[in-house]
Amino acid sequence: MGLLMLGLGAMPALAIPEAEAIRKLAAVAVYVVVDPEGWPALYPESPDRLVLPMFMKAEQAQQARRTLEERQDTEGSRVVPMSLDIAFELNKNLRQAIPVHKSLIMQLEPAQEDWEKAKEIRLAEGIDQGEIDRNLKVPVFFTNPSITFTPPGTEEAKVAFFFNYSQLQQAKQAVPDSNLDSEDKVMDLFLLIDLMIQDEEDKYFLSPTEDWLKIIQAQQEQQSSPSQAQPSQDQQDVQEPDQQEAQQTP
């Protein structure tokens, strides 16, 4: 399983501000485990290095929560969903809150099925396993030739990228004849962020992830049916739109 270690360093001359590129990640859902006080669950990788795990699937985060409670007896921990751009901000705030002699790395774990499919695509291209493990941490899927969409509120078509391979296949089915001559491709998220920062034409579009769409749907259902029966505790943990709390935790 690949893990993306996030922390953008010095960049060459930028076509758009880095913050603007990060805002494009607003429709990507991630999950973080927090303790009963709302503090993100960090773990020490070494005496001077802390790790903040982030998960792209709710099920992964819930398993991490259960493991945390079993190992550390931290009953009351929960899973908080947020968008990936907010996760970047959380990571930044936490870096300012931890002791100065420690460093912090945010590790983003993709869905297992997407990672396996990405590895399959790269192996079919003749890339060896070692290079895949080194350079592909969080896969983002696209096609060659590109699938393009005209997002709401815009007038120009943009090249579409997908965090979920299943969504790529759905998009190909929706585009006439796209299955006849298009080839599935994959790149690392960090490389895509770099491309967006260097992009002078703002031509890239990130499709909302499946989990983000589920979060939005759950929020809409709760707002329209306030008297609806309460979901299970695990469902409450995942569905809570607790982004503001996560931002303010540090």
C-alpha atoms as a PDB file:
ATOM      1  CA  MET A   1       0.000   0.000   0.000  1.00  0.00           C
ATOM      2  CA  GLY A   2       1.380   3.361  -0.945  1.00  0.00           C
ATOM      3  CA  LEU A   3       1.413   6.303   1.431  1.00  0.00           C
ATOM      4  CA  LEU A   4       1.767   9.910   0.328  1.00  0.00           C
ATOM      5  CA  MET A   5       3.944  12.009   2.601  1.00  0.00           C
ATOM      6  CA  LEU A   6       2.607  15.529   2.162  1.00  0.00           C
ATOM      7  CA  GLY A   7       4.702  18.610   2.662  1.00  0.00           C
ATOM      8  CA  LEU A   8       5.208  20.832  -0.359  1.00  0.00           C
ATOM      9  CA  GLY A   9       8.715  22.181  -0.537  1.00  0.00           C
ATOM     10  CA  ALA A  10      10.276  24.931  -2.614  1.00  0.00           C
ATOM     11  CA  MET A  11       8.686  25.164  -6.041  1.00  0.00           C
ATOM     12  CA  PRO A  12       9.866  26.752  -9.296  1.00  0.00           C
ATOM     13  CA  ALA A  13       8.101  29.811 -10.713  1.00  0.00           C
ATOM     14  CA  LEU A  14       4.381  29.260 -10.190  1.00  0.00           C
ATOM     15  CA  ALA A  15       1.711  29.711 -12.842  1.00  0.00           C
ATOM     16  CA  ILE A  16      -0.954  29.856 -10.111  1.00  0.00           C
ATOM     17  CA  PRO A  17      -0.572  30.229  -6.328  1.00  0.00           C
ATOM     18  CA  GLU A  18      -0.004  26.978  -4.476  1.00  0.00           C
ATOM     19  CA  ALA A  19      -3.073  27.705  -2.317  1.00  0.00           C
ATOM     20  CA  GLU A  20      -5.262  27.903  -5.413  1.00  0.00           C
ATOM     21  CA  ALA A  21      -4.067  24.490  -6.561  1.00  0.00           C
ATOM     22  CA  ILE A  22      -4.746  23.043  -3.107  1.00  0.00           C
ATOM     23  CA  ARG A  23      -8.303  24.400  -3.201  1.00  0.00           C
ATOM     24  CA  LYS A  24      -8.959  22.081  -6.142  1.00  0.00           C
ATOM     25  CA  LEU A  25      -8.776  19.224  -3.614  1.00  0.00           C
ATOM     26  CA  ALA A  26     -11.934  20.436  -1.853  1.00  0.00           C
ATOM     27  CA  ALA A  27     -14.052  17.625  -3.338  1.00  0.00           C
ATOM     28  CA  VAL A  28     -11.714  14.867  -2.130  1.00  0.00           C
ATOM     29  CA  ALA A  29     -12.838  13.223   1.114  1.00  0.00           C
ATOM     30  CA  VAL A  30     -10.356  12.073   3.731  1.00  0.00           C
ATOM     31  CA  TYR A  31     -10.860  10.797   7.269  1.00  0.00           C
ATOM     32  CA  VAL A  32      -8.854  11.366  10.433  1.00  0.00           C
ATOM     33  CA  VAL A  33      -9.147   9.577  13.774  1.00  0.00           C
ATOM     34  CA  VAL A  34      -9.426  11.936  16.757  1.00  0.00           C
ATOM     35  CA  ASP A  35      -9.325  11.203  20.483  1.00  0.00           C
ATOM     36  CA  PRO A  36     -12.223  12.043  22.860  1.00  0.00           C
ATOM     37  CA  GLU A  37     -10.898  15.614  23.186  1.00  0.00           C
ATOM     38  CA  GLY A  38     -10.841  16.072  19.410  1.00  0.00           C
ATOM     39  CA  TRP A  39      -7.064  15.917  19.022  1.00  0.00           C
ATOM     40  CA  PRO A  40      -5.902  14.000  15.896  1.00  0.00           C
ATOM     41  CA  ALA A  41      -4.382  10.628  16.712  1.00  0.00           C
ATOM     42  CA  LEU A  42      -0.671  10.953  15.935  1.00  0.00           C
ATOM     43  CA  TYR A  43       1.835   8.167  16.308  1.00  0.00           C
ATOM     44  CA  PRO A  44       5.631   8.385  16.681  1.00  0.00           C
ATOM     45  CA  GLU A  45       7.588   7.030  13.720  1.00  0.00           C
ATOM     46  CA  SER A  46      10.816   7.881  15.556  1.00  0.00           C
ATOM     47  CA  PRO A  47      11.727   9.867  18.690  1.00  0.00           C
ATOM     48  CA  ASP A  48      11.686  13.133  16.718  1.00  0.00           C
ATOM     49  CA  ARG A  49       9.093  12.378  14.030  1.00  0.00           C
ATOM     50  CA  LEU A  50       5.294  12.187  14.362  1.00  0.00           C
ATOM     51  CA  VAL A  51       2.876  10.847  11.753  1.00  0.00           C
ATOM     52  CA  LEU A  52      -0.693  11.999  11.076  1.00  0.00           C
ATOM     53  CA  PRO A  53      -2.553   9.197   9.256  1.00  0.00           C
ATOM     54  CA  MET A  54      -5.299  10.172   6.808  1.00  0.00           C
ATOM     55  CA  PHE A  55      -7.559   7.698   5.033  1.00  0.00           C
ATOM     56  CA  MET A  56      -9.455   8.004   1.754  1.00  0.00           C
ATOM     57  CA  LYS A  57     -12.084   5.409   2.707  1.00  0.00           C
ATOM     58  CA  ALA A  58     -14.304   5.536   5.778  1.00  0.00           C
ATOM     59  CA  GLU A  59     -13.871   1.810   6.395  1.00  0.00           C
ATOM     60  CA  GLN A  60     -10.087   2.196   6.656  1.00  0.00           C
ATOM     61  CA  ALA A  61     -10.461   4.979   9.193  1.00  0.00           C
ATOM     62  CA  GLN A  62     -12.950   3.026  11.293  1.00  0.00           C
ATOM     63  CA  GLN A  63     -10.557   0.071  11.413  1.00  0.00           C
ATOM     64  CA  ALA A  64      -7.754   2.401  12.514  1.00  0.00           C
ATOM     65  CA  ARG A  65     -10.047   3.809  15.221  1.00  0.00           C
ATOM     66  CA  ARG A  66     -10.852   0.346  16.549  1.00  0.00           C
ATOM     67  CA  THR A  67      -7.172  -0.600  16.526  1.00  0.00           C
ATOM     68  CA  LEU A  68      -6.316   2.595  18.413  1.00  0.00           C
ATOM     69  CA  GLU A  69      -8.896   1.886  21.101  1.00  0.00           C
ATOM     70  CA  GLU A  70      -7.665  -1.693  21.510  1.00  0.00           C
ATOM     71  CA  ARG A  71      -4.025  -0.680  21.839  1.00  0.00           C
ATOM     72  CA  GLN A  72      -4.284   2.530  23.837  1.00  0.00           C
ATOM     73  CA  ASP A  73      -7.582   2.137  25.708  1.00  0.00           C
ATOM     74  CA  THR A  74      -8.858   5.418  24.247  1.00  0.00           C
ATOM     75  CA  GLU A  75     -12.588   4.785  24.368  1.00  0.00           C
ATOM     76  CA  GLY A  76     -14.515   7.630  22.788  1.00  0.00           C
ATOM     77  CA  SER A  77     -12.262   8.220  19.811  1.00  0.00           C
ATOM     78  CA  ARG A  78     -14.072   8.858  16.540  1.00  0.00           C
ATOM     79  CA  VAL A  79     -13.610   9.415  12.834  1.00  0.00           C
ATOM     80  CA  VAL A  80     -13.947  12.910  11.388  1.00  0.00           C
ATOM     81  CA  PRO A  81     -14.424  13.460   7.642  1.00  0.00           C
ATOM     82  CA  MET A  82     -12.996  16.503   5.927  1.00  0.00           C
ATOM     83  CA  SER A  83     -11.939  17.624   2.477  1.00  0.00           C
ATOM     84  CA  LEU A  84      -8.326  17.187   1.455  1.00  0.00           C
ATOM     85  CA  ASP A  85      -7.689  20.925   1.233  1.00  0.00           C
ATOM     86  CA  ILE A  86      -8.827  21.243   4.868  1.00  0.00           C
ATOM     87  CA  ALA A  87      -6.526  18.336   5.724  1.00  0.00           C
ATOM     88  CA  PHE A  88      -3.587  20.326   4.358  1.00  0.00           C
ATOM     89  CA  GLU A  89      -4.572  23.213   6.629  1.00  0.00           C
ATOM     90  CA  LEU A  90      -4.914  20.872   9.611  1.00  0.00           C
ATOM     91  CA  ASN A  91      -1.452  19.503   8.920  1.00  0.00           C
ATOM     92  CA  LYS A  92      -0.068  23.050   8.790  1.00  0.00           C
ATOM     93  CA  ASN A  93      -1.716  24.004  12.094  1.00  0.00           C
ATOM     94  CA  LEU A  94      -0.529  20.849  13.829  1.00  0.00           C
ATOM     95  CA  ARG A  95       3.037  21.516  12.757  1.00  0.00           C
ATOM     96  CA  GLN A  96       2.840  24.808  14.618  1.00  0.00           C
ATOM     97  CA  ALA A  97       1.363  23.135  17.715  1.00  0.00           C
ATOM     98  CA  ILE A  98       3.787  20.246  18.240  1.00  0.00           C
ATOM     99  CA  PRO A  99       7.115  20.678  20.081  1.00  0.00           C
ATOM    100  CA  VAL A 100       9.774  22.430  18.018  1.00  0.00           C
ATOM    101  CA  HIS A 101      12.162  19.478  18.252  1.00  0.00           C
ATOM    102  CA  LYS A 102       9.686  17.174  16.471  1.00  0.00           C
ATOM    103  CA  SER A 103       8.641  17.007  12.823  1.00  0.00           C
ATOM    104  CA  LEU A 104       5.224  16.005  11.484  1.00  0.00           C
ATOM    105  CA  ILE A 105       4.395  14.004   8.364  1.00  0.00           C
ATOM    106  CA  MET A 106       0.860  13.575   7.031  1.00  0.00           C
ATOM    107  CA  GLN A 107       0.400  10.133   5.485  1.00  0.00           C
ATOM    108  CA  LEU A 108      -2.492   9.736   3.079  1.00  0.00           C
ATOM    109  CA  GLU A 109      -3.626   6.166   2.510  1.00  0.00           C
ATOM    110  CA  PRO A 110      -5.622   5.424  -0.675  1.00  0.00           C
ATOM    111  CA  ALA A 111      -8.315   2.803  -1.047  1.00  0.00           C
ATOM    112  CA  GLN A 112      -6.841  -0.678  -1.361  1.00  0.00           C
ATOM    113  CA  GLU A 113      -8.759  -1.460  -4.557  1.00  0.00           C
ATOM    114  CA  ASP A 114      -7.561   1.737  -6.239  1.00  0.00           C
ATOM    115  CA  TRP A 115      -3.975   1.082  -5.230  1.00  0.00           C
ATOM    116  CA  GLU A 116      -4.131  -2.446  -6.636  1.00  0.00           C
ATOM    117  CA  LYS A 117      -5.614  -1.227  -9.929  1.00  0.00           C
ATOM    118  CA  ALA A 118      -2.990   1.497 -10.223  1.00  0.00           C
ATOM    119  CA  LYS A 119      -0.240  -1.054  -9.680  1.00  0.00           C
ATOM    120  CA  GLU A 120      -1.787  -3.278 -12.353  1.00  0.00           C
ATOM    121  CA  ILE A 121      -1.778  -0.399 -14.865  1.00  0.00           C
ATOM    122  CA  ARG A 122       1.848   0.470 -14.137  1.00  0.00           C
ATOM    123  CA  LEU A 123       3.013  -3.137 -14.335  1.00  0.00           C
ATOM    124  CA  ALA A 124       1.288  -3.471 -17.722  1.00  0.00           C
ATOM    125  CA  GLU A 125       3.314  -0.448 -18.870  1.00  0.00           C
ATOM    126  CA  GLY A 126       6.516  -2.325 -18.072  1.00  0.00           C
ATOM    127  CA  ILE A 127       7.354  -0.444 -14.874  1.00  0.00           C
ATOM    128  CA  ASP A 128       8.939  -2.658 -12.228  1.00  0.00           C
ATOM    129  CA  GLN A 129       7.493  -3.098  -8.764  1.00  0.00           C
ATOM    130  CA  GLY A 130      10.312  -1.248  -7.026  1.00  0.00           C
ATOM    131  CA  GLU A 131       9.802   1.908  -9.075  1.00  0.00           C
ATOM    132  CA  ILE A 132       6.054   1.738  -8.492  1.00  0.00           C
ATOM    133  CA  ASP A 133       6.556   1.519  -4.736  1.00  0.00           C
ATOM    134  CA  ARG A 134       8.934   4.492  -4.781  1.00  0.00           C
ATOM    135  CA  ASN A 135       7.014   6.837  -7.075  1.00  0.00           C
ATOM    136  CA  LEU A 136       3.320   5.963  -6.823  1.00  0.00           C
ATOM    137  CA  LYS A 137       1.950   6.747  -3.379  1.00  0.00           C
ATOM    138  CA  VAL A 138      -1.630   7.952  -3.955  1.00  0.00           C
ATOM    139  CA  PRO A 139      -2.958   7.103  -7.433  1.00  0.00           C
ATOM    140  CA  VAL A 140      -5.020   9.455  -9.576  1.00  0.00           C
ATOM    141  CA  PHE A 141      -6.565   7.999 -12.734  1.00  0.00           C
ATOM    142  CA  PHE A 142      -7.100   9.532 -16.168  1.00  0.00           C
ATOM    143  CA  THR A 143      -7.225   8.427 -19.800  1.00  0.00           C
ATOM    144  CA  ASN A 144      -5.181   8.952 -22.930  1.00  0.00           C
ATOM    145  CA  PRO A 145      -6.703  10.595 -24.938  1.00  0.00           C
ATOM    146  CA  SER A 146      -8.153  12.609 -22.090  1.00  0.00           C
ATOM    147  CA  ILE A 147     -11.754  12.642 -20.942  1.00  0.00           C
ATOM    148  CA  THR A 148     -12.877  16.259 -20.592  1.00  0.00           C
ATOM    149  CA  PHE A 149     -15.743  17.829 -18.668  1.00  0.00           C
ATOM    150  CA  THR A 150     -17.140  21.334 -18.415  1.00  0.00           C
ATOM    151  CA  PRO A 151     -17.575  21.774 -14.645  1.00  0.00           C
ATOM    152  CA  PRO A 152     -20.535  23.785 -13.304  1.00  0.00           C
ATOM    153  CA  GLY A 153     -19.853  27.501 -13.352  1.00  0.00           C
ATOM    154  CA  THR A 154     -17.230  27.290 -16.077  1.00  0.00           C
ATOM    155  CA  GLU A 155     -17.359  27.624 -19.834  1.00  0.00           C
ATOM    156  CA  GLU A 156     -14.273  25.669 -20.874  1.00  0.00           C
ATOM    157  CA  ALA A 157     -13.787  21.907 -20.887  1.00  0.00           C
ATOM    158  CA  LYS A 158     -11.143  20.578 -18.487  1.00  0.00           C
ATOM    159  CA  VAL A 159      -9.141  17.360 -18.342  1.00  0.00           C
ATOM    160  CA  ALA A 160     -10.726  15.023 -15.792  1.00  0.00           C
ATOM    161  CA  PHE A 161      -8.833  13.119 -13.087  1.00  0.00           C
ATOM    162  CA  PHE A 162     -10.357  10.521 -10.756  1.00  0.00           C
ATOM    163  CA  PHE A 163      -9.255   9.212  -7.359  1.00  0.00           C
ATOM    164  CA  ASN A 164     -11.546   6.183  -7.729  1.00  0.00           C
ATOM    165  CA  TYR A 165     -10.949   3.824 -10.646  1.00  0.00           C
ATOM    166  CA  SER A 166     -14.637   2.896 -10.674  1.00  0.00           C
ATOM    167  CA  GLN A 167     -15.516   6.531 -11.338  1.00  0.00           C
ATOM    168  CA  LEU A 168     -13.142   6.616 -14.287  1.00  0.00           C
ATOM    169  CA  GLN A 169     -14.943   3.631 -15.781  1.00  0.00           C
ATOM    170  CA  GLN A 170     -18.325   5.296 -15.261  1.00  0.00           C
ATOM    171  CA  ALA A 171     -17.064   8.427 -16.990  1.00  0.00           C
ATOM    172  CA  LYS A 172     -15.795   6.406 -19.935  1.00  0.00           C
ATOM    173  CA  GLN A 173     -19.216   4.810 -20.305  1.00  0.00           C
ATOM    174  CA  ALA A 174     -20.802   8.263 -20.373  1.00  0.00           C
ATOM    175  CA  VAL A 175     -18.512   9.575 -23.125  1.00  0.00           C
ATOM    176  CA  PRO A 176     -19.431   8.272 -26.609  1.00  0.00           C
ATOM    177  CA  ASP A 177     -16.799   5.944 -28.098  1.00  0.00           C
ATOM    178  CA  SER A 178     -14.313   6.708 -25.296  1.00  0.00           C
ATOM    179  CA  ASN A 179     -13.823   2.987 -24.625  1.00  0.00           C
ATOM    180  CA  LEU A 180     -12.797   2.358 -28.220  1.00  0.00           C
ATOM    181  CA  ASP A 181      -9.550   4.313 -28.295  1.00  0.00           C
ATOM    182  CA  SER A 182      -8.730   5.491 -24.755  1.00  0.00           C
ATOM    183  CA  GLU A 183      -6.107   3.969 -22.483  1.00  0.00           C
ATOM    184  CA  ASP A 184      -6.327   3.958 -18.691  1.00  0.00           C
ATOM    185  CA  LYS A 185      -3.428   5.834 -17.092  1.00  0.00           C
ATOM    186  CA  VAL A 186      -2.383   6.719 -13.558  1.00  0.00           C
ATOM    187  CA  MET A 187      -0.112   9.262 -11.884  1.00  0.00           C
ATOM    188  CA  ASP A 188       0.803  10.127  -8.320  1.00  0.00           C
ATOM    189  CA  LEU A 189      -1.211  12.813  -6.532  1.00  0.00           C
ATOM    190  CA  PHE A 190       1.923  14.772  -5.659  1.00  0.00           C
ATOM    191  CA  LEU A 191       2.838  14.960  -9.356  1.00  0.00           C
ATOM    192  CA  LEU A 192      -0.682  16.119 -10.206  1.00  0.00           C
ATOM    193  CA  ILE A 193      -0.489  18.887  -7.595  1.00  0.00           C
ATOM    194  CA  ASP A 194       2.793  19.965  -9.161  1.00  0.00           C
ATOM    195  CA  LEU A 195       1.159  20.014 -12.606  1.00  0.00           C
ATOM    196  CA  MET A 196      -1.745  22.106 -11.327  1.00  0.00           C
ATOM    197  CA  ILE A 197       0.619  24.629  -9.782  1.00  0.00           C
ATOM    198  CA  GLN A 198       2.509  24.942 -13.076  1.00  0.00           C
ATOM    199  CA  ASP A 199      -0.661  24.999 -15.197  1.00  0.00           C
ATOM    200  CA  GLU A 200      -1.124  28.399 -16.840  1.00  0.00           C
ATOM    201  CA  GLU A 201      -4.455  27.502 -18.451  1.00  0.00           C
ATOM    202  CA  ASP A 202      -6.250  25.991 -15.427  1.00  0.00           C
ATOM    203  CA  LYS A 203      -7.147  22.968 -17.513  1.00  0.00           C
ATOM    204  CA  TYR A 204      -7.390  20.233 -14.856  1.00  0.00           C
ATOM    205  CA  PHE A 205     -10.558  19.067 -13.094  1.00  0.00           C
ATOM    206  CA  LEU A 206     -10.648  16.704 -10.100  1.00  0.00           C
ATOM    207  CA  SER A 207     -13.810  14.644  -9.970  1.00  0.00           C
ATOM    208  CA  PRO A 208     -15.422  14.515  -6.492  1.00  0.00           C
ATOM    209  CA  THR A 209     -14.571  11.221  -4.813  1.00  0.00           C
ATOM    210  CA  GLU A 210     -17.199   8.590  -4.052  1.00  0.00           C
ATOM    211  CA  ASP A 211     -16.849   9.166  -0.315  1.00  0.00           C
ATOM    212  CA  TRP A 212     -17.214  12.937  -0.701  1.00  0.00           C
ATOM    213  CA  LEU A 213     -20.474  12.455  -2.601  1.00  0.00           C
ATOM    214  CA  LYS A 214     -21.686  10.126   0.173  1.00  0.00           C
ATOM    215  CA  ILE A 215     -20.854  12.729   2.830  1.00  0.00           C
ATOM    216  CA  ILE A 216     -22.741  15.452   0.962  1.00  0.00           C
ATOM    217  CA  GLN A 217     -25.731  13.160   0.417  1.00  0.00           C
ATOM    218  CA  ALA A 218     -25.806  12.210   4.116  1.00  0.00           C
ATOM    219  CA  GLN A 219     -25.724  15.867   5.144  1.00  0.00           C
ATOM    220  CA  GLN A 220     -28.561  16.718   2.771  1.00  0.00           C
ATOM    221  CA  GLU A 221     -30.672  13.831   4.071  1.00  0.00           C
ATOM    222  CA  GLN A 222     -30.098  14.874   7.683  1.00  0.00           C
ATOM    223  CA  GLN A 223     -31.052  18.466   6.899  1.00  0.00           C
ATOM    224  CA  SER A 224     -34.235  17.443   5.083  1.00  0.00           C
ATOM    225  CA  SER A 225     -35.277  14.826   7.688  1.00  0.00           C
ATOM    226  CA  PRO A 226     -34.233  16.099  11.148  1.00  0.00           C
ATOM    227  CA  SER A 227     -36.564  13.640  12.884  1.00  0.00           C
ATOM    228  CA  GLN A 228     -35.035  10.664  11.067  1.00  0.00           C
ATOM    229  CA  ALA A 229     -33.833   7.807  13.275  1.00  0.00           C
ATOM    230  CA  GLN A 230     -30.244   8.203  14.398  1.00  0.00           C
ATOM    231  CA  PRO A 231     -27.636   6.038  12.608  1.00  0.00           C
ATOM    232  CA  SER A 232     -25.283   3.677  14.389  1.00  0.00           C
ATOM    233  CA  GLN A 233     -22.278   5.070  16.271  1.00  0.00           C
ATOM    234  CA  ASP A 234     -19.867   4.171  13.479  1.00  0.00           C
ATOM    235  CA  GLN A 235     -22.153   5.856  10.940  1.00  0.00           C
ATOM    236  CA  GLN A 236     -22.402   8.941  13.135  1.00  0.00           C
ATOM    237  CA  ASP A 237     -18.621   9.127  13.303  1.00  0.00           C
ATOM    238  CA  VAL A 238     -18.304   9.048   9.529  1.00  0.00           C
ATOM    239  CA  GLN A 239     -21.257  11.254   8.699  1.00  0.00           C
ATOM    240  CA  GLU A 240     -20.515  14.030  11.188  1.00  0.00           C
ATOM    241  CA  PRO A 241     -19.680  17.166   9.162  1.00  0.00           C
ATOM    242  CA  ASP A 242     -17.146  18.123  11.837  1.00  0.00           C
ATOM    243  CA  GLN A 243     -14.695  19.936   9.577  1.00  0.00           C
ATOM    244  CA  GLN A 244     -14.672  23.122  11.660  1.00  0.00           C
ATOM    245  CA  GLU A 245     -13.730  21.253  14.829  1.00  0.00           C
ATOM    246  CA  ALA A 246     -10.893  19.529  13.024  1.00  0.00           C
ATOM    247  CA  GLN A 247      -9.618  22.884  11.789  1.00  0.00           C
ATOM    248  CA  GLN A 248      -9.638  24.343  15.271  1.00  0.00           C
ATOM    249  CA  THR A 249      -8.170  21.342  17.086  1.00  0.00           C
ATOM    250  CA  PRO A 250      -4.616  22.715  17.332  1.00  0.00           C
END
